[in-house]
Amino acid sequence: MPKKNAKIIIILVVFALILFGFAYYYFFLRNIAPEITPGIDETTGLFPSGEQGTSGGSTGTTGGTGGVENIPVPKYRKISQKPISGGVITTIADKDKGFAIRYQDRATGHIYETWTKSMKQERISNTTIPKVYETLWNKSGDSLVARYLDGETEDIVSFYAKLIKKEKSEDLKSDMYSLNGSFLQKNITDVSVSSNGNNLIYVLKKNSGSSIINSGFGGTDGVNILNSPLKEWLVEWFGGSYLLKTKSTYKTGGFVYKLSNTGNMTKLLGNITGLTALGRNDGTGLLYSESINDTFNLFSMETANRKITKTNKNTLPEKCVWSKKNNVAMYCAIPSTVPSGQYPDDWYQGFVSFDDTVWIIDTEINLGNIIIDPSRYSEEPIDGINLTLSEDENYLIFTNKKDLSLWGIDLTPEPLRESPAD
């Protein structure tokens, strides 16, 4: 009898253990999702795509315009509600909608499109590239270079991508694009796009210094222009040459050189504290700022005769863009006031923020006209950077440094109105 009871007890214990194991799996383990490592999709070589809704694109997700096409476009408008990494006014044109504006969302890498003459706005790519801090576009807006930091190595990663239109299906009610591309070399510390949108000039950081390289927009056909023992260069296009700049602070002098395609360097400016500069499109002149007495001054310089003129409006070169039609004119975001500070350091580091109006300035006659006073149109003050003009120079976009949102200004001259007869 005791043996029989022992067998029964053993059977009951085994049954209880099986039942407990089943219950533990059902209530605790069954709903745990498998761990997914973000990164490149090895089957396609692309970044993993985000979830796509039944309508394909997400209309007006960041712009808040809801795809409404019949609402009149205001002269001054906020295009994106969320931070962006970079935008462009493309050469894609429509007789009714104007030029297409494309930008990349900073958090997700999704790409959105709106128009200079239409409030319609929609997501056109849901390929996810997390935490993009800078996006450079070619002129046509069908290719980009997205830049971000590698989360593990802290290397600077530059990803070239071309927008490839997907075939429409019942689930795709609007045009959607995938991103097809490849990685450029790691640790490109600075990069600039040529005025024709087909080439890059960039600084490649190395253990022993850096190299200045000219390449195709996708990083192809790279030509080494210069090897330097310095690592912290900034570079931009300067007509048929390049503008090579050292990084400067409010208490250290900076230098600017003209760099030829053969690697010859000609000093244009030297040992100027807080020096930042912006070259004219054709390479005939430049803007530069100098820090002095807890503020800064803006100057224009003609490279042929080295004539220097202090401008009648004060701002930083990073807040300007040269005109495409008039090589001595520039559009600038001008601070209403400049508080005392250590410039440009305090502004770069976010200790100081400006409230701007937008002007056009003729550097030849040193006069300017106001284009927009944002306070008349919006309660949101702007600290404008990354100013970009359309090909016909009838539209301007910029990023608000305060929240990295994208804004647009219609520059089309307003028609004259007849005054009533006296």
Protein backbone atom coordinates (compact mmCIF):
# COMPACT_ATOMS: atom_id res chain seq x y z
CA MET A 1 0.00 0.00 0.00
CA PRO A 2 2.77 2.49 0.78
CA LYS A 3 4.44 1.72 -2.58
CA LYS A 4 1.15 2.34 -4.39
CA ASN A 5 0.71 5.68 -2.61
CA ALA A 6 4.28 6.67 -3.48
CA LYS A 7 3.64 5.99 -7.18
CA ILE A 8 0.46 8.08 -7.08
CA ILE A 9 2.31 10.94 -5.40
CA ILE A 10 5.13 10.81 -8.01
CA ILE A 11 2.58 10.85 -10.88
CA LEU A 12 0.75 13.82 -9.32
CA VAL A 13 4.04 15.75 -8.83
CA VAL A 14 5.11 15.13 -12.47
CA PHE A 15 1.67 16.18 -13.72
CA ALA A 16 1.80 19.34 -11.58
CA LEU A 17 5.23 20.22 -12.93
CA ILE A 18 4.04 19.78 -16.53
CA LEU A 19 0.97 21.90 -15.83
CA PHE A 20 3.10 24.61 -14.17
CA GLY A 21 5.52 24.64 -17.12
CA PHE A 22 2.67 25.04 -19.61
CA ALA A 23 1.12 27.85 -17.57
CA TYR A 24 4.47 29.66 -17.23
CA TYR A 25 5.03 29.55 -21.01
CA TYR A 26 1.49 30.66 -21.80
CA PHE A 27 1.38 33.61 -19.41
CA PHE A 28 5.00 34.80 -19.42
CA LEU A 29 7.06 33.61 -22.38
CA ARG A 30 4.56 33.48 -25.23
CA ASN A 31 4.24 37.28 -25.57
CA ILE A 32 7.94 38.15 -25.45
CA ALA A 33 8.96 39.45 -28.89
CA PRO A 34 12.25 38.28 -30.38
CA GLU A 35 15.10 40.78 -30.12
CA ILE A 36 15.71 42.62 -33.38
CA THR A 37 19.06 44.25 -34.01
CA PRO A 38 18.70 47.49 -35.96
CA GLY A 39 21.01 48.13 -38.87
CA ILE A 40 21.38 47.14 -42.50
CA ASP A 41 18.99 44.66 -44.06
CA GLU A 42 21.48 42.05 -45.29
CA THR A 43 19.12 40.80 -47.99
CA THR A 44 18.89 44.20 -49.72
CA GLY A 45 21.80 46.25 -48.42
CA LEU A 46 19.36 48.94 -47.34
CA PHE A 47 18.25 50.31 -44.01
CA PRO A 48 15.15 48.54 -42.65
CA SER A 49 11.89 50.13 -43.77
CA GLY A 50 9.32 51.45 -41.35
CA GLU A 51 5.78 50.16 -41.30
CA GLN A 52 3.68 51.36 -44.17
CA GLY A 53 0.02 52.22 -43.84
CA THR A 54 -2.64 51.09 -46.25
CA SER A 55 -2.50 54.37 -48.14
CA GLY A 56 1.26 54.16 -48.79
CA GLY A 57 2.48 57.64 -47.90
CA SER A 58 1.58 59.50 -44.75
CA THR A 59 0.06 62.77 -45.90
CA GLY A 60 0.94 65.84 -43.90
CA THR A 61 2.40 63.90 -40.99
CA THR A 62 5.07 66.42 -40.09
CA GLY A 63 3.89 69.46 -41.96
CA GLY A 64 0.40 69.45 -40.56
CA THR A 65 -1.09 70.42 -43.91
CA GLY A 66 -3.02 67.20 -44.39
CA GLY A 67 -2.44 67.11 -48.13
CA VAL A 68 -4.81 70.04 -48.70
CA GLU A 69 -4.12 71.36 -52.19
CA ASN A 70 -6.69 74.12 -52.56
CA ILE A 71 -5.68 76.26 -49.59
CA PRO A 72 -3.78 79.38 -50.73
CA VAL A 73 -0.07 79.14 -49.95
CA PRO A 74 0.97 81.93 -47.53
CA LYS A 75 4.01 84.07 -48.27
CA TYR A 76 5.67 82.77 -45.11
CA ARG A 77 4.98 79.30 -43.73
CA LYS A 78 6.25 76.60 -41.43
CA ILE A 79 6.77 73.50 -43.57
CA SER A 80 7.75 70.88 -40.98
CA GLN A 81 6.60 70.59 -37.38
CA LYS A 82 9.35 68.13 -36.44
CA PRO A 83 13.15 68.57 -36.59
CA ILE A 84 14.73 67.93 -39.97
CA SER A 85 18.29 67.00 -40.96
CA GLY A 86 18.26 68.85 -44.29
CA GLY A 87 15.98 70.09 -47.07
CA VAL A 88 16.20 71.14 -50.71
CA ILE A 89 14.14 72.99 -53.30
CA THR A 90 14.46 70.55 -56.18
CA THR A 91 14.37 71.18 -59.92
CA ILE A 92 11.23 68.99 -60.13
CA ALA A 93 8.64 71.43 -61.49
CA ASP A 94 4.87 71.41 -61.95
CA LYS A 95 3.00 74.25 -63.68
CA ASP A 96 0.44 74.43 -60.89
CA LYS A 97 2.42 73.35 -57.81
CA GLY A 98 5.75 75.04 -58.54
CA PHE A 99 8.95 73.34 -57.42
CA ALA A 100 9.05 70.27 -55.17
CA ILE A 101 10.57 70.72 -51.71
CA ARG A 102 11.99 67.59 -50.12
CA TYR A 103 13.36 67.11 -46.61
CA GLN A 104 14.45 64.30 -44.31
CA ASP A 105 13.05 63.79 -40.82
CA ARG A 106 15.86 63.92 -38.27
CA ALA A 107 14.54 61.19 -35.95
CA THR A 108 13.41 58.57 -38.48
CA GLY A 109 15.11 59.41 -41.78
CA HIS A 110 11.73 59.36 -43.54
CA ILE A 111 11.48 61.71 -46.52
CA TYR A 112 8.66 64.18 -47.12
CA GLU A 113 7.65 66.28 -50.09
CA THR A 114 5.70 69.49 -50.48
CA TRP A 115 5.63 72.26 -53.11
CA THR A 116 6.41 75.95 -53.36
CA LYS A 117 2.89 76.70 -54.65
CA SER A 118 0.89 73.97 -52.96
CA MET A 119 0.13 73.05 -49.36
CA LYS A 120 -0.03 69.36 -50.26
CA GLN A 121 2.50 67.44 -48.20
CA GLU A 122 3.15 63.71 -48.01
CA ARG A 123 5.70 61.16 -46.94
CA ILE A 124 7.40 59.70 -50.02
CA SER A 125 9.85 57.29 -48.34
CA ASN A 126 9.48 55.33 -45.13
CA THR A 127 12.96 53.80 -45.17
CA THR A 128 14.21 54.29 -41.61
CA ILE A 129 17.63 55.78 -40.89
CA PRO A 130 17.62 56.73 -37.20
CA LYS A 131 19.13 59.93 -35.80
CA VAL A 132 20.38 61.60 -38.99
CA TYR A 133 22.07 64.87 -38.02
CA GLU A 134 22.84 66.15 -41.54
CA THR A 135 21.42 65.52 -45.01
CA LEU A 136 22.91 66.87 -48.22
CA TRP A 137 20.89 66.79 -51.45
CA ASN A 138 21.75 66.98 -55.12
CA LYS A 139 20.05 69.71 -57.14
CA SER A 140 17.35 67.48 -58.64
CA GLY A 141 16.38 66.11 -55.21
CA ASP A 142 16.57 62.46 -56.27
CA SER A 143 19.77 61.66 -54.36
CA LEU A 144 21.05 62.43 -50.88
CA VAL A 145 23.87 61.83 -48.43
CA ALA A 146 22.60 61.11 -44.90
CA ARG A 147 25.13 61.55 -42.09
CA TYR A 148 24.95 60.15 -38.56
CA LEU A 149 27.13 58.79 -35.77
CA ASP A 150 27.70 55.05 -35.41
CA GLY A 151 26.21 54.20 -32.00
CA GLU A 152 28.97 51.71 -31.13
CA THR A 153 32.17 53.17 -32.63
CA GLU A 154 31.21 56.89 -32.69
CA ASP A 155 32.51 56.99 -36.28
CA ILE A 156 30.89 59.51 -38.62
CA VAL A 157 28.87 57.52 -41.16
CA SER A 158 27.83 58.94 -44.54
CA PHE A 159 25.23 56.98 -46.50
CA TYR A 160 24.59 57.81 -50.17
CA ALA A 161 21.10 56.96 -51.42
CA LYS A 162 19.14 57.42 -54.62
CA LEU A 163 15.34 57.63 -54.48
CA ILE A 164 13.86 54.83 -56.59
CA LYS A 165 10.14 55.06 -57.34
CA LYS A 166 8.14 51.99 -56.36
CA GLU A 167 5.58 50.46 -58.68
CA LYS A 168 2.09 51.58 -57.75
CA SER A 169 -0.32 49.04 -56.34
CA GLU A 170 -3.71 49.17 -54.69
CA ASP A 171 -1.97 49.85 -51.38
CA LEU A 172 0.08 52.71 -52.83
CA LYS A 173 -2.27 55.61 -53.52
CA SER A 174 0.62 58.07 -53.96
CA ASP A 175 4.21 57.93 -55.20
CA MET A 176 6.53 56.15 -52.80
CA TYR A 177 10.29 55.68 -53.07
CA SER A 178 12.83 53.24 -51.73
CA LEU A 179 16.41 54.29 -50.97
CA ASN A 180 19.05 52.41 -52.92
CA GLY A 181 22.66 53.26 -52.18
CA SER A 182 25.94 52.57 -50.45
CA PHE A 183 28.23 53.87 -47.73
CA LEU A 184 30.89 56.45 -48.34
CA GLN A 185 34.18 56.26 -46.46
CA LYS A 186 33.90 56.58 -42.69
CA ASN A 187 34.99 59.68 -40.78
CA ILE A 188 34.21 62.29 -43.41
CA THR A 189 34.27 65.28 -41.04
CA ASP A 190 33.00 67.94 -43.48
CA VAL A 191 31.38 67.81 -46.91
CA SER A 192 29.99 70.28 -49.46
CA VAL A 193 27.89 69.82 -52.60
CA SER A 194 28.88 71.51 -55.88
CA SER A 195 26.56 74.13 -57.38
CA ASN A 196 25.61 71.74 -60.19
CA GLY A 197 24.69 69.12 -57.58
CA ASN A 198 26.79 66.37 -59.15
CA ASN A 199 29.94 66.38 -57.04
CA LEU A 200 31.18 66.42 -53.46
CA ILE A 201 34.25 67.94 -51.88
CA TYR A 202 34.98 66.48 -48.46
CA VAL A 203 37.50 66.19 -45.62
CA LEU A 204 38.51 62.61 -44.77
CA LYS A 205 39.99 62.34 -41.29
CA LYS A 206 42.99 60.03 -40.94
CA ASN A 207 45.30 59.01 -38.09
CA SER A 208 48.08 61.23 -39.40
CA GLY A 209 45.96 64.16 -40.59
CA SER A 210 43.35 64.49 -43.32
CA SER A 211 42.78 64.40 -47.06
CA ILE A 212 40.67 66.75 -49.20
CA ILE A 213 38.85 64.67 -51.82
CA ASN A 214 36.69 65.59 -54.83
CA SER A 215 34.26 62.84 -55.89
CA GLY A 216 31.01 62.12 -57.63
CA PHE A 217 27.88 62.65 -55.53
CA GLY A 218 27.83 58.98 -54.57
CA GLY A 219 31.49 59.01 -53.57
CA THR A 220 32.67 57.52 -56.88
CA ASP A 221 35.73 58.59 -58.90
CA GLY A 222 37.38 60.25 -55.91
CA VAL A 223 40.40 62.45 -56.59
CA ASN A 224 42.77 63.33 -53.74
CA ILE A 225 43.34 67.10 -53.94
CA LEU A 226 45.42 67.60 -50.79
CA ASN A 227 47.00 65.68 -47.92
CA SER A 228 47.40 67.74 -44.76
CA PRO A 229 48.76 67.15 -41.25
CA LEU A 230 45.73 69.12 -39.92
CA LYS A 231 42.53 67.19 -39.19
CA GLU A 232 39.98 69.92 -38.48
CA TRP A 233 39.48 71.52 -41.91
CA LEU A 234 36.19 72.90 -43.23
CA VAL A 235 35.72 72.94 -47.00
CA GLU A 236 33.27 74.30 -49.57
CA TRP A 237 33.09 74.94 -53.30
CA PHE A 238 34.47 78.30 -54.46
CA GLY A 239 33.79 78.72 -58.17
CA GLY A 240 36.13 76.29 -59.95
CA SER A 241 38.24 75.97 -56.80
CA TYR A 242 37.60 75.35 -53.10
CA LEU A 243 37.50 77.40 -49.91
CA LEU A 244 39.52 75.73 -47.17
CA LYS A 245 38.94 77.01 -43.62
CA THR A 246 40.36 76.26 -40.18
CA LYS A 247 38.02 76.02 -37.20
CA SER A 248 38.19 79.09 -34.99
CA THR A 249 36.91 80.24 -31.59
CA TYR A 250 36.38 83.61 -29.95
CA LYS A 251 39.94 83.52 -28.61
CA THR A 252 41.84 81.68 -31.38
CA GLY A 253 42.68 82.98 -34.84
CA GLY A 254 41.30 81.31 -37.94
CA PHE A 255 42.59 81.09 -41.54
CA VAL A 256 40.93 80.88 -44.96
CA TYR A 257 42.68 79.57 -48.08
CA LYS A 258 41.78 79.21 -51.71
CA LEU A 259 42.58 75.64 -52.78
CA SER A 260 43.09 74.84 -56.46
CA ASN A 261 42.37 71.52 -58.16
CA THR A 262 46.09 70.87 -58.23
CA GLY A 263 46.44 71.29 -54.47
CA ASN A 264 47.93 74.80 -54.42
CA MET A 265 46.87 76.91 -51.41
CA THR A 266 46.59 80.70 -51.42
CA LYS A 267 45.93 82.46 -48.12
CA LEU A 268 42.96 84.85 -48.25
CA LEU A 269 42.51 85.63 -44.54
CA GLY A 270 44.59 84.84 -41.48
CA ASN A 271 44.74 84.97 -37.70
CA ILE A 272 41.22 86.41 -37.30
CA THR A 273 39.51 85.51 -34.02
CA GLY A 274 36.14 83.77 -34.31
CA LEU A 275 36.56 83.55 -38.08
CA THR A 276 33.77 81.90 -40.07
CA ALA A 277 33.36 82.42 -43.84
CA LEU A 278 31.05 81.80 -46.80
CA GLY A 279 32.42 81.85 -50.35
CA ARG A 280 30.59 83.50 -53.25
CA ASN A 281 29.24 81.06 -55.83
CA ASP A 282 31.65 82.16 -58.57
CA GLY A 283 34.70 82.41 -56.30
CA THR A 284 35.14 86.17 -56.73
CA GLY A 285 34.49 87.09 -53.12
CA LEU A 286 33.42 85.94 -49.67
CA LEU A 287 31.72 86.89 -46.42
CA TYR A 288 33.48 86.52 -43.12
CA SER A 289 32.88 87.38 -39.48
CA GLU A 290 35.32 88.46 -36.80
CA SER A 291 34.82 88.28 -33.03
CA ILE A 292 35.59 91.47 -31.12
CA ASN A 293 34.61 92.88 -27.71
CA ASP A 294 31.95 90.23 -26.85
CA THR A 295 30.23 90.58 -30.23
CA PHE A 296 31.13 90.11 -33.91
CA ASN A 297 31.25 92.04 -37.18
CA LEU A 298 30.45 90.91 -40.71
CA PHE A 299 32.64 91.82 -43.70
CA SER A 300 32.65 91.17 -47.43
CA MET A 301 35.89 90.74 -49.37
CA GLU A 302 36.68 90.84 -53.09
CA THR A 303 39.32 88.21 -53.81
CA ALA A 304 40.83 90.01 -56.83
CA ASN A 305 41.95 93.15 -55.00
CA ARG A 306 41.41 91.99 -51.38
CA LYS A 307 39.06 94.95 -50.80
CA ILE A 308 37.27 94.51 -47.47
CA THR A 309 33.99 96.24 -46.56
CA LYS A 310 32.12 96.09 -43.26
CA THR A 311 28.47 95.33 -44.07
CA ASN A 312 25.71 97.62 -42.84
CA LYS A 313 23.85 94.63 -41.38
CA ASN A 314 25.39 92.30 -38.85
CA THR A 315 25.03 88.53 -38.87
CA LEU A 316 27.11 85.35 -39.20
CA PRO A 317 28.01 83.93 -42.65
CA GLU A 318 26.30 80.65 -41.69
CA LYS A 319 23.00 82.58 -41.74
CA CYS A 320 23.36 83.71 -45.37
CA VAL A 321 23.14 82.40 -48.94
CA TRP A 322 24.48 84.06 -52.07
CA SER A 323 22.06 85.01 -54.85
CA LYS A 324 22.03 82.83 -57.96
CA LYS A 325 21.24 85.80 -60.22
CA ASN A 326 23.37 88.61 -58.77
CA ASN A 327 26.82 87.59 -57.57
CA VAL A 328 27.15 90.54 -55.17
CA ALA A 329 23.74 90.03 -53.52
CA MET A 330 22.96 87.74 -50.61
CA TYR A 331 19.96 86.73 -48.53
CA CYS A 332 20.60 86.70 -44.79
CA ALA A 333 18.82 86.03 -41.51
CA ILE A 334 19.70 89.14 -39.48
CA PRO A 335 19.49 89.12 -35.66
CA SER A 336 17.32 91.89 -34.25
CA THR A 337 19.78 92.21 -31.37
CA VAL A 338 23.10 90.55 -30.58
CA PRO A 339 23.57 90.01 -26.83
CA SER A 340 27.10 90.12 -25.40
CA GLY A 341 28.83 86.78 -25.69
CA GLN A 342 31.79 84.76 -26.85
CA TYR A 343 31.13 84.36 -30.58
CA PRO A 344 30.70 82.20 -32.50
CA ASP A 345 31.11 79.66 -29.67
CA ASP A 346 28.09 80.71 -27.61
CA TRP A 347 25.81 80.58 -30.65
CA TYR A 348 27.10 77.22 -31.88
CA GLN A 349 26.76 75.69 -28.41
CA GLY A 350 23.23 77.03 -27.92
CA PHE A 351 24.01 79.44 -25.07
CA VAL A 352 22.80 82.29 -27.30
CA SER A 353 19.90 82.23 -29.77
CA PHE A 354 18.89 85.01 -32.14
CA ASP A 355 15.51 86.36 -33.24
CA ASP A 356 15.89 87.14 -36.94
CA THR A 357 14.38 89.09 -39.78
CA VAL A 358 15.27 88.12 -43.37
CA TRP A 359 17.01 90.62 -45.67
CA ILE A 360 18.53 90.87 -49.13
CA ILE A 361 21.83 92.78 -49.11
CA ASP A 362 23.83 94.20 -52.02
CA THR A 363 27.47 93.97 -50.93
CA GLU A 364 28.62 96.23 -53.77
CA ILE A 365 26.64 99.28 -52.62
CA ASN A 366 26.33 98.01 -49.03
CA LEU A 367 22.56 98.47 -48.82
CA GLY A 368 19.77 96.08 -47.93
CA ASN A 369 16.00 95.59 -47.98
CA ILE A 370 13.95 93.58 -45.54
CA ILE A 371 12.18 90.55 -47.05
CA ILE A 372 10.27 89.17 -44.06
CA ASP A 373 9.70 90.16 -40.47
CA PRO A 374 8.55 86.79 -39.02
CA SER A 375 6.85 88.48 -36.06
CA ARG A 376 4.22 89.83 -38.48
CA TYR A 377 3.25 86.33 -39.59
CA SER A 378 3.95 84.01 -36.66
CA GLU A 379 4.47 83.98 -32.91
CA GLU A 380 7.45 81.66 -33.36
CA PRO A 381 10.81 83.51 -33.45
CA ILE A 382 13.39 82.13 -35.86
CA ASP A 383 17.16 81.73 -35.80
CA GLY A 384 17.76 81.00 -39.46
CA ILE A 385 20.44 78.65 -40.83
CA ASN A 386 20.93 76.56 -43.99
CA LEU A 387 19.28 79.09 -46.31
CA THR A 388 18.54 77.61 -49.76
CA LEU A 389 17.14 79.27 -52.91
CA SER A 390 15.08 77.81 -55.73
CA GLU A 391 16.58 77.84 -59.23
CA ASP A 392 14.39 80.79 -60.28
CA GLU A 393 15.15 82.53 -56.96
CA ASN A 394 11.45 82.97 -56.23
CA TYR A 395 11.46 80.79 -53.12
CA LEU A 396 13.68 80.46 -50.06
CA ILE A 397 13.77 77.77 -47.39
CA PHE A 398 15.70 77.73 -44.14
CA THR A 399 16.02 75.74 -40.92
CA ASN A 400 15.10 77.33 -37.60
CA LYS A 401 18.07 76.57 -35.32
CA LYS A 402 15.78 76.86 -32.27
CA ASP A 403 13.88 73.63 -33.04
CA LEU A 404 15.32 72.50 -36.45
CA SER A 405 11.95 72.97 -38.17
CA LEU A 406 11.80 73.88 -41.89
CA TRP A 407 10.32 77.18 -43.09
CA GLY A 408 9.60 78.70 -46.49
CA ILE A 409 9.35 82.22 -47.93
CA ASP A 410 7.76 83.14 -51.26
CA LEU A 411 10.09 85.73 -52.84
CA THR A 412 7.86 86.41 -55.84
CA PRO A 413 7.38 90.20 -56.10
CA GLU A 414 3.87 91.19 -55.16
CA PRO A 415 1.92 92.84 -58.02
CA LEU A 416 1.62 96.61 -57.92
CA ARG A 417 -1.77 97.90 -56.93
CA GLU A 418 -3.28 100.98 -58.54
CA SER A 419 -3.74 103.87 -56.16
CA PRO A 420 -7.10 105.65 -56.25
CA ALA A 421 -7.05 108.94 -58.14
CA ASP A 422 -6.80 112.08 -56.04
